[in-house]
Amino acid sequence: MDKIELKVMAISRSVTQSLNYAVVLGELNGPRRLPVIIGSTEAQAIAIAIEGMSGPRPMTHDLFKNTLETLRTDLREIIISDIKEGIFYARLVLDRDGEIIEVDSRTSDALALATRFDCPIYTYELILQNAGIVLEGEGEEEDLQMQDVSEGPAGQHKDNLSSYTVGELTTMLEDVLNEENYERAAEIRDEINQRKAS
C-alpha cells in the first residue's frame, strides 16, 4: 500500500470529548485532515516538543528518545497503520545499524516521539478515506490552534499574568520548569512572547 505523508497541523480541544484533545494531521500534498483524539497528557507532551520546551528532567517520551539514541537506534518514521472501531493503531519504524524493526505503539505516543525525532508521519489511503475530513473554506483552518493545551485537563482558564513584570515572569518560568509543571510553563512563556511581540 502507498503511504501518504502527514504533518501535525494543530492541537485543539475535542468538541466531542470534553476532557480530550484532537491532534489534527494534515495531508502533506492535499486538503484532507485526519483528527486523532488523545488525552490531555499526551497532547501536552506533543505540544511541548513542538514548542521546543524542555525541563530539567526528561519526560517519558524524552527518556525513550534518549534510550534509543544511546542504543544507536533511529526512529525513521511512524505509520498510522489501522483504525478499528474508531481507534487508531500505529507502528514505530526503527533503524538499528541497517536493521529495520517495527514496534506496535499507541498513536498518541507515536506522535509524541515523531515530534521529538522530527521524523515523517505516514498513513494509508484507506485510512484517510474512512476517517479523513476535508476542511471547506479558508477561515476554518485558521481556527485550529494549539492554545487550548495550556489550559489544563479540566479546562481551567489561565489566571491573569499581566500584573507581573517580564523579569518576574522569567523567574517564575524557571521555577515551574524545575517543578516540571509544563502546563503553567506554557502559559508563562506565551505571556512573555506576547509582551516581546508588542
Protein backbone atom coordinates (compact mmCIF):
# COMPACT_ATOMS: atom_id res chain seq x y z
CA MET A 1 0.00 0.00 0.00
CA ASP A 2 1.20 3.50 -0.79
CA LYS A 3 1.96 5.64 2.23
CA ILE A 4 0.67 9.22 2.48
CA GLU A 5 2.74 11.67 4.49
CA LEU A 6 1.04 13.77 7.15
CA LYS A 7 2.12 16.65 9.37
CA VAL A 8 0.80 17.98 12.68
CA MET A 9 -1.40 20.95 11.80
CA ALA A 10 -2.91 21.77 15.18
CA ILE A 11 -3.92 20.55 18.60
CA SER A 12 -7.32 21.67 19.84
CA ARG A 13 -9.84 20.69 22.48
CA SER A 14 -12.07 17.87 21.27
CA VAL A 15 -15.61 19.02 20.54
CA THR A 16 -16.97 15.51 21.13
CA GLN A 17 -14.98 14.53 24.24
CA SER A 18 -14.54 17.49 26.58
CA LEU A 19 -11.58 16.15 28.56
CA ASN A 20 -9.62 15.12 25.46
CA TYR A 21 -7.86 16.84 22.60
CA ALA A 22 -7.74 16.37 18.85
CA VAL A 23 -4.41 16.30 17.06
CA VAL A 24 -5.19 17.39 13.53
CA LEU A 25 -2.88 15.77 10.99
CA GLY A 26 -2.86 17.26 7.52
CA GLU A 27 -2.10 15.52 4.25
CA LEU A 28 1.23 16.96 3.09
CA ASN A 29 0.16 17.38 -0.53
CA GLY A 30 -3.60 17.53 -0.24
CA PRO A 31 -6.62 19.03 1.53
CA ARG A 32 -7.56 16.12 3.78
CA ARG A 33 -7.20 16.19 7.57
CA LEU A 34 -7.06 13.29 10.00
CA PRO A 35 -8.25 14.19 13.52
CA VAL A 36 -6.88 11.87 16.21
CA ILE A 37 -8.43 12.08 19.69
CA ILE A 38 -5.86 11.85 22.51
CA GLY A 39 -5.73 12.58 26.23
CA SER A 40 -4.63 15.89 27.73
CA THR A 41 -1.30 14.48 29.00
CA GLU A 42 -0.38 13.19 25.55
CA ALA A 43 -1.48 16.47 23.95
CA GLN A 44 0.81 18.38 26.30
CA ALA A 45 3.70 16.02 25.50
CA ILE A 46 3.27 16.72 21.78
CA ALA A 47 2.82 20.48 22.27
CA ILE A 48 5.93 20.71 24.47
CA ALA A 49 8.03 19.06 21.76
CA ILE A 50 6.60 21.27 19.01
CA GLU A 51 7.23 24.40 21.09
CA GLY A 52 10.81 23.26 21.81
CA MET A 53 10.35 23.40 25.58
CA SER A 54 12.37 21.26 27.94
CA GLY A 55 12.59 20.82 31.67
CA PRO A 56 15.42 19.88 33.99
CA ARG A 57 14.44 16.20 33.90
CA PRO A 58 13.41 14.14 30.85
CA MET A 59 9.74 13.36 30.41
CA THR A 60 8.74 9.81 29.44
CA HIS A 61 8.94 10.41 25.68
CA ASP A 62 12.26 12.23 26.07
CA LEU A 63 13.57 9.29 28.08
CA PHE A 64 12.52 6.88 25.33
CA LYS A 65 14.23 9.06 22.70
CA ASN A 66 17.41 9.24 24.81
CA THR A 67 17.35 5.47 25.26
CA LEU A 68 17.01 4.80 21.54
CA GLU A 69 19.84 7.22 20.77
CA THR A 70 22.05 5.58 23.42
CA LEU A 71 21.36 2.22 21.76
CA ARG A 72 22.23 3.76 18.37
CA THR A 73 18.69 3.26 17.10
CA ASP A 74 16.92 5.84 14.98
CA LEU A 75 13.18 6.39 14.61
CA ARG A 76 12.84 6.53 10.83
CA GLU A 77 9.09 7.09 10.64
CA ILE A 78 5.78 6.37 12.29
CA ILE A 79 2.85 4.83 10.46
CA ILE A 80 -0.78 5.18 11.48
CA SER A 81 -1.47 1.72 10.20
CA ASP A 82 -5.07 0.87 11.06
CA ILE A 83 -8.35 2.07 12.53
CA LYS A 84 -10.76 -0.26 14.33
CA GLU A 85 -13.97 0.90 15.98
CA GLY A 86 -12.75 4.49 15.91
CA ILE A 87 -9.36 3.70 17.49
CA PHE A 88 -6.18 4.39 15.51
CA TYR A 89 -3.25 1.97 15.63
CA ALA A 90 0.34 2.96 14.93
CA ARG A 91 3.77 1.45 14.41
CA LEU A 92 7.23 2.83 15.07
CA VAL A 93 9.72 2.02 12.31
CA LEU A 94 13.17 1.84 13.91
CA ASP A 95 16.56 1.55 12.23
CA ARG A 96 19.34 -0.12 14.22
CA ASP A 97 22.52 -0.30 12.17
CA GLY A 98 20.54 -1.00 8.99
CA GLU A 99 18.17 -3.49 10.61
CA ILE A 100 14.55 -2.32 10.35
CA ILE A 101 12.43 -3.08 13.41
CA GLU A 102 8.70 -2.30 13.72
CA VAL A 103 7.14 -1.77 17.14
CA ASP A 104 3.43 -1.50 17.96
CA SER A 105 2.54 1.82 19.62
CA ARG A 106 -0.36 3.90 20.80
CA THR A 107 -0.89 6.60 18.19
CA SER A 108 -0.52 9.40 20.76
CA ASP A 109 2.88 8.03 21.88
CA ALA A 110 3.98 7.59 18.28
CA LEU A 111 3.10 11.23 17.52
CA ALA A 112 4.89 12.45 20.64
CA LEU A 113 8.02 10.58 19.53
CA ALA A 114 7.72 11.75 15.92
CA THR A 115 7.76 15.38 17.08
CA ARG A 116 10.90 14.71 19.13
CA PHE A 117 12.76 12.85 16.38
CA ASP A 118 11.40 15.16 13.67
CA CYS A 119 10.62 12.08 11.60
CA PRO A 120 7.91 11.60 8.96
CA ILE A 121 4.35 10.61 9.89
CA TYR A 122 2.54 8.35 7.42
CA THR A 123 -0.83 6.69 6.96
CA TYR A 124 -2.57 4.78 4.17
CA GLU A 125 -5.14 5.93 1.62
CA LEU A 126 -7.81 3.61 3.05
CA ILE A 127 -7.50 5.23 6.48
CA LEU A 128 -7.77 8.74 5.03
CA GLN A 129 -10.82 7.67 3.03
CA ASN A 130 -12.52 6.20 6.11
CA ALA A 131 -11.54 8.71 8.80
CA GLY A 132 -10.26 11.79 6.99
CA ILE A 133 -12.14 15.06 6.55
CA VAL A 134 -11.77 17.93 4.10
CA LEU A 135 -11.95 21.44 5.52
CA GLU A 136 -14.01 23.72 3.34
CA GLY A 137 -13.41 27.47 3.39
CA GLU A 138 -10.21 29.34 4.10
CA GLY A 139 -11.06 30.52 7.61
CA GLU A 140 -11.67 27.14 9.15
CA GLU A 141 -8.05 26.04 9.23
CA GLU A 142 -7.07 29.26 10.97
CA ASP A 143 -9.44 28.34 13.80
CA LEU A 144 -7.35 25.26 14.60
CA GLN A 145 -4.94 26.40 17.27
CA MET A 146 -2.70 24.85 19.88
CA GLN A 147 -3.60 27.30 22.65
CA ASP A 148 -6.10 25.04 24.44
CA VAL A 149 -3.40 22.58 25.54
CA SER A 150 -2.11 25.00 28.16
CA GLU A 151 -5.49 25.31 29.87
CA GLY A 152 -5.05 22.01 31.67
CA PRO A 153 -7.17 18.87 31.71
CA ALA A 154 -10.21 20.42 33.39
CA GLY A 155 -10.19 23.37 31.01
CA GLN A 156 -9.35 25.92 33.69
CA HIS A 157 -8.55 29.27 32.16
CA LYS A 158 -5.21 30.96 32.66
CA ASP A 159 -5.05 33.30 35.60
CA ASN A 160 -4.01 36.89 34.98
CA LEU A 161 -0.27 37.09 34.33
CA SER A 162 -0.42 40.67 33.11
CA SER A 163 0.29 42.05 36.59
CA TYR A 164 3.83 40.58 36.59
CA THR A 165 6.92 42.19 35.03
CA VAL A 166 8.88 40.30 32.35
CA GLY A 167 11.67 39.73 34.89
CA GLU A 168 9.22 38.22 37.37
CA LEU A 169 7.69 36.08 34.63
CA THR A 170 11.14 34.79 33.60
CA THR A 171 11.94 33.81 37.20
CA MET A 172 8.52 32.19 37.52
CA LEU A 173 9.12 30.26 34.29
CA GLU A 174 12.37 28.81 35.66
CA ASP A 175 10.63 27.80 38.88
CA VAL A 176 7.74 25.99 37.20
CA LEU A 177 10.10 24.21 34.79
CA ASN A 178 12.11 22.97 37.78
CA GLU A 179 8.83 21.70 39.27
CA GLU A 180 8.05 20.04 35.89
CA ASN A 181 4.76 21.99 35.71
CA TYR A 182 4.71 22.24 31.91
CA GLU A 183 1.14 23.48 31.68
CA ARG A 184 1.97 26.55 33.75
CA ALA A 185 5.26 27.00 31.89
CA ALA A 186 3.38 27.18 28.58
CA GLU A 187 1.10 29.90 29.97
CA ILE A 188 4.04 31.98 31.24
CA ARG A 189 6.03 31.50 28.04
CA ASP A 190 3.05 32.68 25.97
CA GLU A 191 2.70 35.79 28.14
CA ILE A 192 6.41 36.60 27.77
CA ASN A 193 6.27 36.11 23.98
CA GLN A 194 3.18 38.28 23.77
CA ARG A 195 4.95 41.09 25.62
CA LYS A 196 8.04 40.83 23.41
CA ALA A 197 5.92 40.94 20.26
CA SER A 198 4.12 44.14 21.30
